[in-house]
């Protein structure tokens, strides 16, 4: 109801209302999704099998979420050399286009 009243006031205020109306538009919160992941193994080159994990509390190991692994590129490594990250390495992964990416220097 309050939003309808604000919009009605904007409509009545006439000229100059565009700036006020724009200031009331709120972002949908669209951001790039990120996940905490753990490296399971190296698939090939800088592509790794990873699984999503969750931090439970300080002093406790992260727990695995879900049962399936995903493939993700480590952008800190060469695309033409074999990856060197150890299994169990934790990272933050982002979805970019059709690919999962993370950045961890070996």
PDB file of N, CA and C in Angstrom:
ATOM      1  N   UNK A   1       0.822  -1.181   0.000  1.00  0.00           N
ATOM      2  CA  UNK A   1       0.000   0.000   0.000  1.00  0.00           C
ATOM      3  C   UNK A   1       0.874   1.256   0.000  1.00  0.00           C
ATOM      4  N   UNK A   2       1.936   1.248   0.815  1.00  0.00           N
ATOM      5  CA  UNK A   2       2.813   2.409   0.890  1.00  0.00           C
ATOM      6  C   UNK A   2       3.467   2.692  -0.457  1.00  0.00           C
ATOM      7  N   UNK A   3       3.858   1.646  -1.179  1.00  0.00           N
ATOM      8  CA  UNK A   3       4.462   1.810  -2.499  1.00  0.00           C
ATOM      9  C   UNK A   3       3.469   2.450  -3.464  1.00  0.00           C
ATOM     10  N   UNK A   4       2.205   2.046  -3.415  1.00  0.00           N
ATOM     11  CA  UNK A   4       1.191   2.638  -4.291  1.00  0.00           C
ATOM     12  C   UNK A   4       1.013   4.120  -3.991  1.00  0.00           C
ATOM     13  N   UNK A   5       1.037   4.486  -2.723  1.00  0.00           N
ATOM     14  CA  UNK A   5       0.916   5.891  -2.348  1.00  0.00           C
ATOM     15  C   UNK A   5       2.102   6.701  -2.864  1.00  0.00           C
ATOM     16  N   UNK A   6       3.288   6.158  -2.756  1.00  0.00           N
ATOM     17  CA  UNK A   6       4.480   6.851  -3.243  1.00  0.00           C
ATOM     18  C   UNK A   6       4.416   7.047  -4.755  1.00  0.00           C
ATOM     19  N   UNK A   7       3.978   6.028  -5.467  1.00  0.00           N
ATOM     20  CA  UNK A   7       3.868   6.135  -6.920  1.00  0.00           C
ATOM     21  C   UNK A   7       2.799   7.158  -7.308  1.00  0.00           C
ATOM     22  N   UNK A   8       1.697   7.198  -6.564  1.00  0.00           N
ATOM     23  CA  UNK A   8       0.646   8.188  -6.837  1.00  0.00           C
ATOM     24  C   UNK A   8       1.191   9.602  -6.618  1.00  0.00           C
ATOM     25  N   UNK A   9       1.966   9.823  -5.553  1.00  0.00           N
ATOM     26  CA  UNK A   9       2.569  11.131  -5.299  1.00  0.00           C
ATOM     27  C   UNK A   9       3.515  11.520  -6.423  1.00  0.00           C
ATOM     28  N   UNK A  10       4.290  10.553  -6.900  1.00  0.00           N
ATOM     29  CA  UNK A  10       5.206  10.822  -8.009  1.00  0.00           C
ATOM     30  C   UNK A  10       4.432  11.242  -9.246  1.00  0.00           C
ATOM     31  N   UNK A  11       3.337  10.555  -9.510  1.00  0.00           N
ATOM     32  CA  UNK A  11       2.516  10.841 -10.672  1.00  0.00           C
ATOM     33  C   UNK A  11       1.910  12.244 -10.591  1.00  0.00           C
ATOM     34  N   UNK A  12       1.492  12.657  -9.396  1.00  0.00           N
ATOM     35  CA  UNK A  12       0.884  13.969  -9.200  1.00  0.00           C
ATOM     36  C   UNK A  12       1.895  15.101  -9.242  1.00  0.00           C
ATOM     37  N   UNK A  13       3.161  14.829  -8.931  1.00  0.00           N
ATOM     38  CA  UNK A  13       4.140  15.912  -8.803  1.00  0.00           C
ATOM     39  C   UNK A  13       4.509  16.532 -10.138  1.00  0.00           C
ATOM     40  N   UNK A  14       4.174  15.931 -11.264  1.00  0.00           N
ATOM     41  CA  UNK A  14       4.382  16.531 -12.584  1.00  0.00           C
ATOM     42  C   UNK A  14       5.839  16.546 -12.992  1.00  0.00           C
ATOM     43  N   UNK A  15       6.284  17.691 -13.548  1.00  0.00           N
ATOM     44  CA  UNK A  15       7.650  17.768 -14.074  1.00  0.00           C
ATOM     45  C   UNK A  15       8.653  17.592 -12.949  1.00  0.00           C
ATOM     46  N   UNK A  16       9.780  16.984 -13.313  1.00  0.00           N
ATOM     47  CA  UNK A  16      10.823  16.727 -12.325  1.00  0.00           C
ATOM     48  C   UNK A  16      10.609  15.438 -11.561  1.00  0.00           C
ATOM     49  N   UNK A  17       9.509  14.762 -11.828  1.00  0.00           N
ATOM     50  CA  UNK A  17       9.232  13.542 -11.079  1.00  0.00           C
ATOM     51  C   UNK A  17      10.078  12.370 -11.544  1.00  0.00           C
ATOM     52  N   UNK A  18      10.667  12.470 -12.740  1.00  0.00           N
ATOM     53  CA  UNK A  18      11.434  11.347 -13.264  1.00  0.00           C
ATOM     54  C   UNK A  18      12.618  11.014 -12.378  1.00  0.00           C
ATOM     55  N   UNK A  19      13.352  12.023 -11.935  1.00  0.00           N
ATOM     56  CA  UNK A  19      14.512  11.766 -11.081  1.00  0.00           C
ATOM     57  C   UNK A  19      14.087  11.128  -9.769  1.00  0.00           C
ATOM     58  N   UNK A  20      12.982  11.614  -9.193  1.00  0.00           N
ATOM     59  CA  UNK A  20      12.486  11.061  -7.940  1.00  0.00           C
ATOM     60  C   UNK A  20      12.059   9.614  -8.129  1.00  0.00           C
ATOM     61  N   UNK A  21      11.373   9.345  -9.239  1.00  0.00           N
ATOM     62  CA  UNK A  21      10.919   7.988  -9.506  1.00  0.00           C
ATOM     63  C   UNK A  21      12.107   7.056  -9.670  1.00  0.00           C
ATOM     64  N   UNK A  22      13.138   7.485 -10.389  1.00  0.00           N
ATOM     65  CA  UNK A  22      14.307   6.643 -10.580  1.00  0.00           C
ATOM     66  C   UNK A  22      14.994   6.353  -9.256  1.00  0.00           C
ATOM     67  N   UNK A  23      14.992   7.307  -8.358  1.00  0.00           N
ATOM     68  CA  UNK A  23      15.642   7.081  -7.073  1.00  0.00           C
ATOM     69  C   UNK A  23      14.879   6.070  -6.224  1.00  0.00           C
ATOM     70  N   UNK A  24      13.636   5.818  -6.548  1.00  0.00           N
ATOM     71  CA  UNK A  24      12.837   4.851  -5.792  1.00  0.00           C
ATOM     72  C   UNK A  24      12.905   3.447  -6.382  1.00  0.00           C
ATOM     73  N   UNK A  25      13.450   3.303  -7.564  1.00  0.00           N
ATOM     74  CA  UNK A  25      13.561   1.984  -8.167  1.00  0.00           C
ATOM     75  C   UNK A  25      14.693   1.242  -7.464  1.00  0.00           C
ATOM     76  N   UNK A  26      14.396   0.043  -7.005  1.00  0.00           N
ATOM     77  CA  UNK A  26      15.366  -0.738  -6.244  1.00  0.00           C
ATOM     78  C   UNK A  26      15.848  -1.895  -7.105  1.00  0.00           C
ATOM     79  N   UNK A  27      17.136  -2.183  -7.030  1.00  0.00           N
ATOM     80  CA  UNK A  27      17.717  -3.285  -7.776  1.00  0.00           C
ATOM     81  C   UNK A  27      17.095  -4.603  -7.342  1.00  0.00           C
ATOM     82  N   UNK A  28      17.021  -5.529  -8.291  1.00  0.00           N
ATOM     83  CA  UNK A  28      16.464  -6.845  -7.979  1.00  0.00           C
ATOM     84  C   UNK A  28      17.431  -7.682  -7.171  1.00  0.00           C
ATOM     85  N   UNK A  29      18.656  -7.198  -6.995  1.00  0.00           N
ATOM     86  CA  UNK A  29      19.641  -7.953  -6.235  1.00  0.00           C
ATOM     87  C   UNK A  29      20.382  -8.953  -7.100  1.00  0.00           C
ATOM     88  N   UNK A  30      20.318  -8.793  -8.389  1.00  0.00           N
ATOM     89  CA  UNK A  30      20.987  -9.718  -9.291  1.00  0.00           C
ATOM     90  C   UNK A  30      22.491  -9.596  -9.134  1.00  0.00           C
ATOM     91  N   UNK A  31      23.104 -10.656  -8.699  1.00  0.00           N
ATOM     92  CA  UNK A  31      24.559 -10.718  -8.548  1.00  0.00           C
ATOM     93  C   UNK A  31      25.038 -12.067  -9.062  1.00  0.00           C
ATOM     94  N   UNK A  32      26.302 -12.140  -9.343  1.00  0.00           N
ATOM     95  CA  UNK A  32      26.881 -13.408  -9.764  1.00  0.00           C
ATOM     96  C   UNK A  32      26.887 -14.359  -8.586  1.00  0.00           C
ATOM     97  N   UNK A  33      26.328 -15.542  -8.760  1.00  0.00           N
ATOM     98  CA  UNK A  33      26.286 -16.529  -7.688  1.00  0.00           C
ATOM     99  C   UNK A  33      27.681 -17.068  -7.410  1.00  0.00           C
ATOM    100  N   UNK A  34      27.968 -17.326  -6.147  1.00  0.00           N
ATOM    101  CA  UNK A  34      29.261 -17.880  -5.742  1.00  0.00           C
ATOM    102  C   UNK A  34      29.023 -19.024  -4.768  1.00  0.00           C
ATOM    103  N   UNK A  35      29.877 -20.011  -4.828  1.00  0.00           N
ATOM    104  CA  UNK A  35      29.767 -21.178  -3.959  1.00  0.00           C
ATOM    105  C   UNK A  35      31.111 -21.481  -3.340  1.00  0.00           C
ATOM    106  N   UNK A  36      31.111 -21.999  -2.129  1.00  0.00           N
ATOM    107  CA  UNK A  36      32.316 -22.517  -1.506  1.00  0.00           C
ATOM    108  C   UNK A  36      32.481 -23.942  -2.012  1.00  0.00           C
ATOM    109  N   UNK A  37      33.666 -24.237  -2.534  1.00  0.00           N
ATOM    110  CA  UNK A  37      33.905 -25.565  -3.106  1.00  0.00           C
ATOM    111  C   UNK A  37      35.167 -26.184  -2.525  1.00  0.00           C
ATOM    112  N   UNK A  38      35.268 -27.488  -2.703  1.00  0.00           N
ATOM    113  CA  UNK A  38      36.455 -28.246  -2.346  1.00  0.00           C
ATOM    114  C   UNK A  38      36.895 -29.010  -3.589  1.00  0.00           C
ATOM    115  N   UNK A  39      38.178 -28.966  -3.890  1.00  0.00           N
ATOM    116  CA  UNK A  39      38.715 -29.692  -5.038  1.00  0.00           C
ATOM    117  C   UNK A  39      38.712 -31.182  -4.717  1.00  0.00           C
ATOM    118  N   UNK A  40      38.160 -31.979  -5.642  1.00  0.00           N
ATOM    119  CA  UNK A  40      38.125 -33.431  -5.488  1.00  0.00           C
ATOM    120  C   UNK A  40      39.299 -34.049  -6.224  1.00  0.00           C
ATOM    121  N   UNK A  41      39.491 -33.645  -7.492  1.00  0.00           N
ATOM    122  CA  UNK A  41      40.582 -34.184  -8.299  1.00  0.00           C
ATOM    123  C   UNK A  41      40.784 -33.320  -9.533  1.00  0.00           C
ATOM    124  N   UNK A  42      41.901 -33.545 -10.210  1.00  0.00           N
ATOM    125  CA  UNK A  42      42.178 -32.843 -11.463  1.00  0.00           C
ATOM    126  C   UNK A  42      41.616 -33.684 -12.604  1.00  0.00           C
ATOM    127  N   UNK A  43      40.761 -33.090 -13.413  1.00  0.00           N
ATOM    128  CA  UNK A  43      40.172 -33.787 -14.563  1.00  0.00           C
ATOM    129  C   UNK A  43      41.170 -33.797 -15.723  1.00  0.00           C
ATOM    130  N   UNK A  44      41.603 -32.614 -16.139  1.00  0.00           N
ATOM    131  CA  UNK A  44      42.620 -32.457 -17.175  1.00  0.00           C
ATOM    132  C   UNK A  44      43.037 -30.992 -17.229  1.00  0.00           C
ATOM    133  N   UNK A  45      44.296 -30.764 -17.536  1.00  0.00           N
ATOM    134  CA  UNK A  45      44.850 -29.402 -17.590  1.00  0.00           C
ATOM    135  C   UNK A  45      44.465 -28.614 -16.334  1.00  0.00           C
ATOM    136  N   UNK A  46      43.767 -27.491 -16.472  1.00  0.00           N
ATOM    137  CA  UNK A  46      43.372 -26.693 -15.306  1.00  0.00           C
ATOM    138  C   UNK A  46      41.884 -26.882 -14.971  1.00  0.00           C
ATOM    139  N   UNK A  47      41.319 -28.002 -15.381  1.00  0.00           N
ATOM    140  CA  UNK A  47      39.910 -28.321 -15.103  1.00  0.00           C
ATOM    141  C   UNK A  47      39.872 -29.329 -13.958  1.00  0.00           C
ATOM    142  N   UNK A  48      39.087 -29.000 -12.928  1.00  0.00           N
ATOM    143  CA  UNK A  48      39.025 -29.822 -11.726  1.00  0.00           C
ATOM    144  C   UNK A  48      37.611 -30.307 -11.457  1.00  0.00           C
ATOM    145  N   UNK A  49      37.517 -31.503 -10.853  1.00  0.00           N
ATOM    146  CA  UNK A  49      36.256 -31.977 -10.278  1.00  0.00           C
ATOM    147  C   UNK A  49      36.160 -31.314  -8.912  1.00  0.00           C
ATOM    148  N   UNK A  50      35.051 -30.639  -8.658  1.00  0.00           N
ATOM    149  CA  UNK A  50      34.862 -29.950  -7.379  1.00  0.00           C
ATOM    150  C   UNK A  50      33.498 -30.305  -6.816  1.00  0.00           C
ATOM    151  N   UNK A  51      33.348 -30.128  -5.516  1.00  0.00           N
ATOM    152  CA  UNK A  51      32.045 -30.337  -4.885  1.00  0.00           C
ATOM    153  C   UNK A  51      31.756 -29.171  -3.953  1.00  0.00           C
ATOM    154  N   UNK A  52      30.495 -28.845  -3.821  1.00  0.00           N
ATOM    155  CA  UNK A  52      30.083 -27.737  -2.981  1.00  0.00           C
ATOM    156  C   UNK A  52      30.143 -28.154  -1.520  1.00  0.00           C
ATOM    157  N   UNK A  53      30.665 -27.265  -0.680  1.00  0.00           N
ATOM    158  CA  UNK A  53      30.738 -27.509   0.758  1.00  0.00           C
ATOM    159  C   UNK A  53      30.149 -26.311   1.496  1.00  0.00           C
ATOM    160  N   UNK A  54      29.903 -26.506   2.771  1.00  0.00           N
ATOM    161  CA  UNK A  54      29.344 -25.447   3.604  1.00  0.00           C
ATOM    162  C   UNK A  54      30.140 -25.359   4.902  1.00  0.00           C
ATOM    163  N   UNK A  55      30.372 -24.127   5.357  1.00  0.00           N
ATOM    164  CA  UNK A  55      31.052 -23.926   6.632  1.00  0.00           C
ATOM    165  C   UNK A  55      30.005 -24.043   7.731  1.00  0.00           C
ATOM    166  N   UNK A  56      30.278 -24.916   8.690  1.00  0.00           N
ATOM    167  CA  UNK A  56      29.338 -25.158   9.784  1.00  0.00           C
ATOM    168  C   UNK A  56      29.610 -24.188  10.928  1.00  0.00           C
ATOM    169  N   UNK A  57      30.832 -24.178  11.416  1.00  0.00           N
ATOM    170  CA  UNK A  57      31.214 -23.303  12.527  1.00  0.00           C
ATOM    171  C   UNK A  57      32.729 -23.270  12.604  1.00  0.00           C
ATOM    172  N   UNK A  58      33.248 -22.275  13.305  1.00  0.00           N
ATOM    173  CA  UNK A  58      34.695 -22.178  13.500  1.00  0.00           C
ATOM    174  C   UNK A  58      35.192 -23.424  14.225  1.00  0.00           C
ATOM    175  N   UNK A  59      36.312 -23.951  13.778  1.00  0.00           N
ATOM    176  CA  UNK A  59      36.887 -25.141  14.398  1.00  0.00           C
ATOM    177  C   UNK A  59      36.347 -26.445  13.863  1.00  0.00           C
ATOM    178  N   UNK A  60      35.403 -26.376  12.915  1.00  0.00           N
ATOM    179  CA  UNK A  60      34.846 -27.604  12.331  1.00  0.00           C
ATOM    180  C   UNK A  60      35.149 -27.628  10.836  1.00  0.00           C
ATOM    181  N   UNK A  61      35.409 -28.810  10.308  1.00  0.00           N
ATOM    182  CA  UNK A  61      35.650 -28.971   8.878  1.00  0.00           C
ATOM    183  C   UNK A  61      34.367 -28.669   8.102  1.00  0.00           C
ATOM    184  N   UNK A  62      34.488 -28.070   6.915  1.00  0.00           N
ATOM    185  CA  UNK A  62      33.299 -27.860   6.073  1.00  0.00           C
ATOM    186  C   UNK A  62      32.653 -29.193   5.712  1.00  0.00           C
ATOM    187  N   UNK A  63      31.339 -29.190   5.543  1.00  0.00           N
ATOM    188  CA  UNK A  63      30.617 -30.412   5.192  1.00  0.00           C
ATOM    189  C   UNK A  63      30.179 -30.351   3.735  1.00  0.00           C
ATOM    190  N   UNK A  64      30.149 -31.511   3.093  1.00  0.00           N
ATOM    191  CA  UNK A  64      29.744 -31.616   1.697  1.00  0.00           C
ATOM    192  C   UNK A  64      28.247 -31.401   1.551  1.00  0.00           C
ATOM    193  N   UNK A  65      27.869 -30.630   0.522  1.00  0.00           N
ATOM    194  CA  UNK A  65      26.464 -30.418   0.191  1.00  0.00           C
ATOM    195  C   UNK A  65      26.162 -31.146  -1.106  1.00  0.00           C
ATOM    196  N   UNK A  66      25.061 -31.845  -1.161  1.00  0.00           N
ATOM    197  CA  UNK A  66      24.688 -32.540  -2.398  1.00  0.00           C
ATOM    198  C   UNK A  66      25.604 -33.724  -2.661  1.00  0.00           C
ATOM    199  N   UNK A  67      25.274 -34.478  -3.674  1.00  0.00           N
ATOM    200  CA  UNK A  67      26.043 -35.678  -3.945  1.00  0.00           C
ATOM    201  C   UNK A  67      26.822 -35.658  -5.238  1.00  0.00           C
ATOM    202  N   UNK A  68      26.639 -34.614  -6.057  1.00  0.00           N
ATOM    203  CA  UNK A  68      27.292 -34.632  -7.363  1.00  0.00           C
ATOM    204  C   UNK A  68      28.430 -33.625  -7.432  1.00  0.00           C
ATOM    205  N   UNK A  69      29.418 -33.952  -8.239  1.00  0.00           N
ATOM    206  CA  UNK A  69      30.545 -33.064  -8.480  1.00  0.00           C
ATOM    207  C   UNK A  69      30.292 -32.226  -9.726  1.00  0.00           C
ATOM    208  N   UNK A  70      31.050 -31.165  -9.862  1.00  0.00           N
ATOM    209  CA  UNK A  70      30.977 -30.307 -11.047  1.00  0.00           C
ATOM    210  C   UNK A  70      32.387 -30.094 -11.568  1.00  0.00           C
ATOM    211  N   UNK A  71      32.488 -29.644 -12.797  1.00  0.00           N
ATOM    212  CA  UNK A  71      33.788 -29.291 -13.364  1.00  0.00           C
ATOM    213  C   UNK A  71      33.970 -27.789 -13.262  1.00  0.00           C
ATOM    214  N   UNK A  72      35.197 -27.370 -12.932  1.00  0.00           N
ATOM    215  CA  UNK A  72      35.482 -25.940 -12.815  1.00  0.00           C
ATOM    216  C   UNK A  72      36.917 -25.677 -13.262  1.00  0.00           C
ATOM    217  N   UNK A  73      37.119 -24.514 -13.889  1.00  0.00           N
ATOM    218  CA  UNK A  73      38.432 -24.099 -14.351  1.00  0.00           C
ATOM    219  C   UNK A  73      39.130 -23.282 -13.271  1.00  0.00           C
ATOM    220  N   UNK A  74      40.410 -23.593 -13.010  1.00  0.00           N
ATOM    221  CA  UNK A  74      41.216 -22.764 -12.123  1.00  0.00           C
ATOM    222  C   UNK A  74      41.932 -21.738 -12.993  1.00  0.00           C
ATOM    223  N   UNK A  75      41.517 -20.496 -12.913  1.00  0.00           N
ATOM    224  CA  UNK A  75      42.069 -19.447 -13.762  1.00  0.00           C
ATOM    225  C   UNK A  75      43.492 -19.045 -13.373  1.00  0.00           C
ATOM    226  N   UNK A  76      43.971 -19.500 -12.232  1.00  0.00           N
ATOM    227  CA  UNK A  76      45.336 -19.177 -11.806  1.00  0.00           C
ATOM    228  C   UNK A  76      46.361 -20.092 -12.465  1.00  0.00           C
ATOM    229  N   UNK A  77      45.915 -21.132 -13.139  1.00  0.00           N
ATOM    230  CA  UNK A  77      46.828 -22.087 -13.780  1.00  0.00           C
ATOM    231  C   UNK A  77      46.711 -21.997 -15.297  1.00  0.00           C
ATOM    232  N   UNK A  78      47.753 -22.456 -15.956  1.00  0.00           N
ATOM    233  CA  UNK A  78      47.799 -22.453 -17.406  1.00  0.00           C
ATOM    234  C   UNK A  78      46.731 -23.380 -17.990  1.00  0.00           C
ATOM    235  N   UNK A  79      46.167 -22.970 -19.117  1.00  0.00           N
ATOM    236  CA  UNK A  79      45.185 -23.797 -19.810  1.00  0.00           C
ATOM    237  C   UNK A  79      45.856 -24.929 -20.597  1.00  0.00           C
ATOM    238  N   UNK A  80      47.185 -24.924 -20.678  1.00  0.00           N
ATOM    239  CA  UNK A  80      47.892 -25.934 -21.473  1.00  0.00           C
ATOM    240  C   UNK A  80      48.787 -26.841 -20.649  1.00  0.00           C
ATOM    241  N   UNK A  81      48.827 -26.676 -19.336  1.00  0.00           N
ATOM    242  CA  UNK A  81      49.653 -27.522 -18.474  1.00  0.00           C
ATOM    243  C   UNK A  81      48.765 -28.274 -17.489  1.00  0.00           C
ATOM    244  N   UNK A  82      49.280 -29.359 -16.959  1.00  0.00           N
ATOM    245  CA  UNK A  82      48.531 -30.160 -15.997  1.00  0.00           C
ATOM    246  C   UNK A  82      48.363 -29.403 -14.684  1.00  0.00           C
ATOM    247  N   UNK A  83      47.158 -29.435 -14.136  1.00  0.00           N
ATOM    248  CA  UNK A  83      46.876 -28.765 -12.872  1.00  0.00           C
ATOM    249  C   UNK A  83      47.616 -29.400 -11.714  1.00  0.00           C
ATOM    250  N   UNK A  84      47.905 -28.591 -10.696  1.00  0.00           N
ATOM    251  CA  UNK A  84      48.707 -29.072  -9.574  1.00  0.00           C
ATOM    252  C   UNK A  84      48.040 -28.897  -8.215  1.00  0.00           C
ATOM    253  N   UNK A  85      46.774 -28.506  -8.158  1.00  0.00           N
ATOM    254  CA  UNK A  85      46.111 -28.325  -6.868  1.00  0.00           C
ATOM    255  C   UNK A  85      45.861 -29.668  -6.197  1.00  0.00           C
ATOM    256  N   UNK A  86      46.042 -29.693  -4.895  1.00  0.00           N
ATOM    257  CA  UNK A  86      45.814 -30.912  -4.121  1.00  0.00           C
ATOM    258  C   UNK A  86      44.328 -31.087  -3.829  1.00  0.00           C
ATOM    259  N   UNK A  87      43.897 -32.342  -3.757  1.00  0.00           N
ATOM    260  CA  UNK A  87      42.519 -32.625  -3.347  1.00  0.00           C
ATOM    261  C   UNK A  87      42.319 -32.060  -1.946  1.00  0.00           C
ATOM    262  N   UNK A  88      41.139 -31.504  -1.712  1.00  0.00           N
ATOM    263  CA  UNK A  88      40.844 -30.918  -0.413  1.00  0.00           C
ATOM    264  C   UNK A  88      41.054 -29.420  -0.353  1.00  0.00           C
ATOM    265  N   UNK A  89      41.631 -28.836  -1.404  1.00  0.00           N
ATOM    266  CA  UNK A  89      41.819 -27.387  -1.456  1.00  0.00           C
ATOM    267  C   UNK A  89      40.460 -26.703  -1.515  1.00  0.00           C
ATOM    268  N   UNK A  90      40.267 -25.675  -0.694  1.00  0.00           N
ATOM    269  CA  UNK A  90      39.008 -24.936  -0.674  1.00  0.00           C
ATOM    270  C   UNK A  90      39.127 -23.668  -1.511  1.00  0.00           C
ATOM    271  N   UNK A  91      38.027 -23.271  -2.136  1.00  0.00           N
ATOM    272  CA  UNK A  91      38.020 -22.076  -2.979  1.00  0.00           C
ATOM    273  C   UNK A  91      36.591 -21.553  -3.083  1.00  0.00           C
ATOM    274  N   UNK A  92      36.470 -20.366  -3.665  1.00  0.00           N
ATOM    275  CA  UNK A  92      35.165 -19.804  -3.998  1.00  0.00           C
ATOM    276  C   UNK A  92      35.005 -19.930  -5.507  1.00  0.00           C
ATOM    277  N   UNK A  93      33.885 -20.484  -5.950  1.00  0.00           N
ATOM    278  CA  UNK A  93      33.637 -20.713  -7.374  1.00  0.00           C
ATOM    279  C   UNK A  93      32.498 -19.805  -7.828  1.00  0.00           C
ATOM    280  N   UNK A  94      32.648 -19.276  -9.045  1.00  0.00           N
ATOM    281  CA  UNK A  94      31.618 -18.451  -9.669  1.00  0.00           C
ATOM    282  C   UNK A  94      31.171 -19.094 -10.959  1.00  0.00           C
ATOM    283  N   UNK A  95      29.946 -18.835 -11.338  1.00  0.00           N
ATOM    284  CA  UNK A  95      29.403 -19.275 -12.628  1.00  0.00           C
ATOM    285  C   UNK A  95      29.533 -18.096 -13.578  1.00  0.00           C
ATOM    286  N   UNK A  96      30.280 -18.281 -14.668  1.00  0.00           N
ATOM    287  CA  UNK A  96      30.489 -17.233 -15.665  1.00  0.00           C
ATOM    288  C   UNK A  96      30.086 -17.808 -17.017  1.00  0.00           C
ATOM    289  N   UNK A  97      28.974 -17.316 -17.547  1.00  0.00           N
ATOM    290  CA  UNK A  97      28.463 -17.881 -18.802  1.00  0.00           C
ATOM    291  C   UNK A  97      28.084 -19.331 -18.574  1.00  0.00           C
ATOM    292  N   UNK A  98      28.679 -20.219 -19.348  1.00  0.00           N
ATOM    293  CA  UNK A  98      28.397 -21.647 -19.219  1.00  0.00           C
ATOM    294  C   UNK A  98      29.442 -22.387 -18.394  1.00  0.00           C
ATOM    295  N   UNK A  99      30.398 -21.665 -17.814  1.00  0.00           N
ATOM    296  CA  UNK A  99      31.517 -22.298 -17.124  1.00  0.00           C
ATOM    297  C   UNK A  99      31.572 -21.938 -15.645  1.00  0.00           C
ATOM    298  N   UNK A 100      32.096 -22.880 -14.863  1.00  0.00           N
ATOM    299  CA  UNK A 100      32.404 -22.629 -13.458  1.00  0.00           C
ATOM    300  C   UNK A 100      33.879 -22.266 -13.389  1.00  0.00           C
ATOM    301  N   UNK A 101      34.209 -21.216 -12.643  1.00  0.00           N
ATOM    302  CA  UNK A 101      35.613 -20.786 -12.531  1.00  0.00           C
ATOM    303  C   UNK A 101      35.946 -20.475 -11.080  1.00  0.00           C
ATOM    304  N   UNK A 102      37.215 -20.658 -10.739  1.00  0.00           N
ATOM    305  CA  UNK A 102      37.732 -20.247  -9.445  1.00  0.00           C
ATOM    306  C   UNK A 102      39.185 -19.831  -9.651  1.00  0.00           C
ATOM    307  N   UNK A 103      39.784 -19.200  -8.643  1.00  0.00           N
ATOM    308  CA  UNK A 103      41.152 -18.716  -8.774  1.00  0.00           C
ATOM    309  C   UNK A 103      41.911 -19.079  -7.516  1.00  0.00           C
ATOM    310  N   UNK A 104      42.781 -20.087  -7.623  1.00  0.00           N
ATOM    311  CA  UNK A 104      43.639 -20.504  -6.517  1.00  0.00           C
ATOM    312  C   UNK A 104      45.038 -20.721  -7.080  1.00  0.00           C
ATOM    313  N   UNK A 105      46.003 -19.980  -6.559  1.00  0.00           N
ATOM    314  CA  UNK A 105      47.381 -20.176  -6.995  1.00  0.00           C
ATOM    315  C   UNK A 105      47.947 -21.409  -6.325  1.00  0.00           C
ATOM    316  N   UNK A 106      48.549 -22.297  -7.120  1.00  0.00           N
ATOM    317  CA  UNK A 106      49.123 -23.539  -6.548  1.00  0.00           C
ATOM    318  C   UNK A 106      50.329 -23.266  -5.676  1.00  0.00           C
TER     319      UNK A 106
END
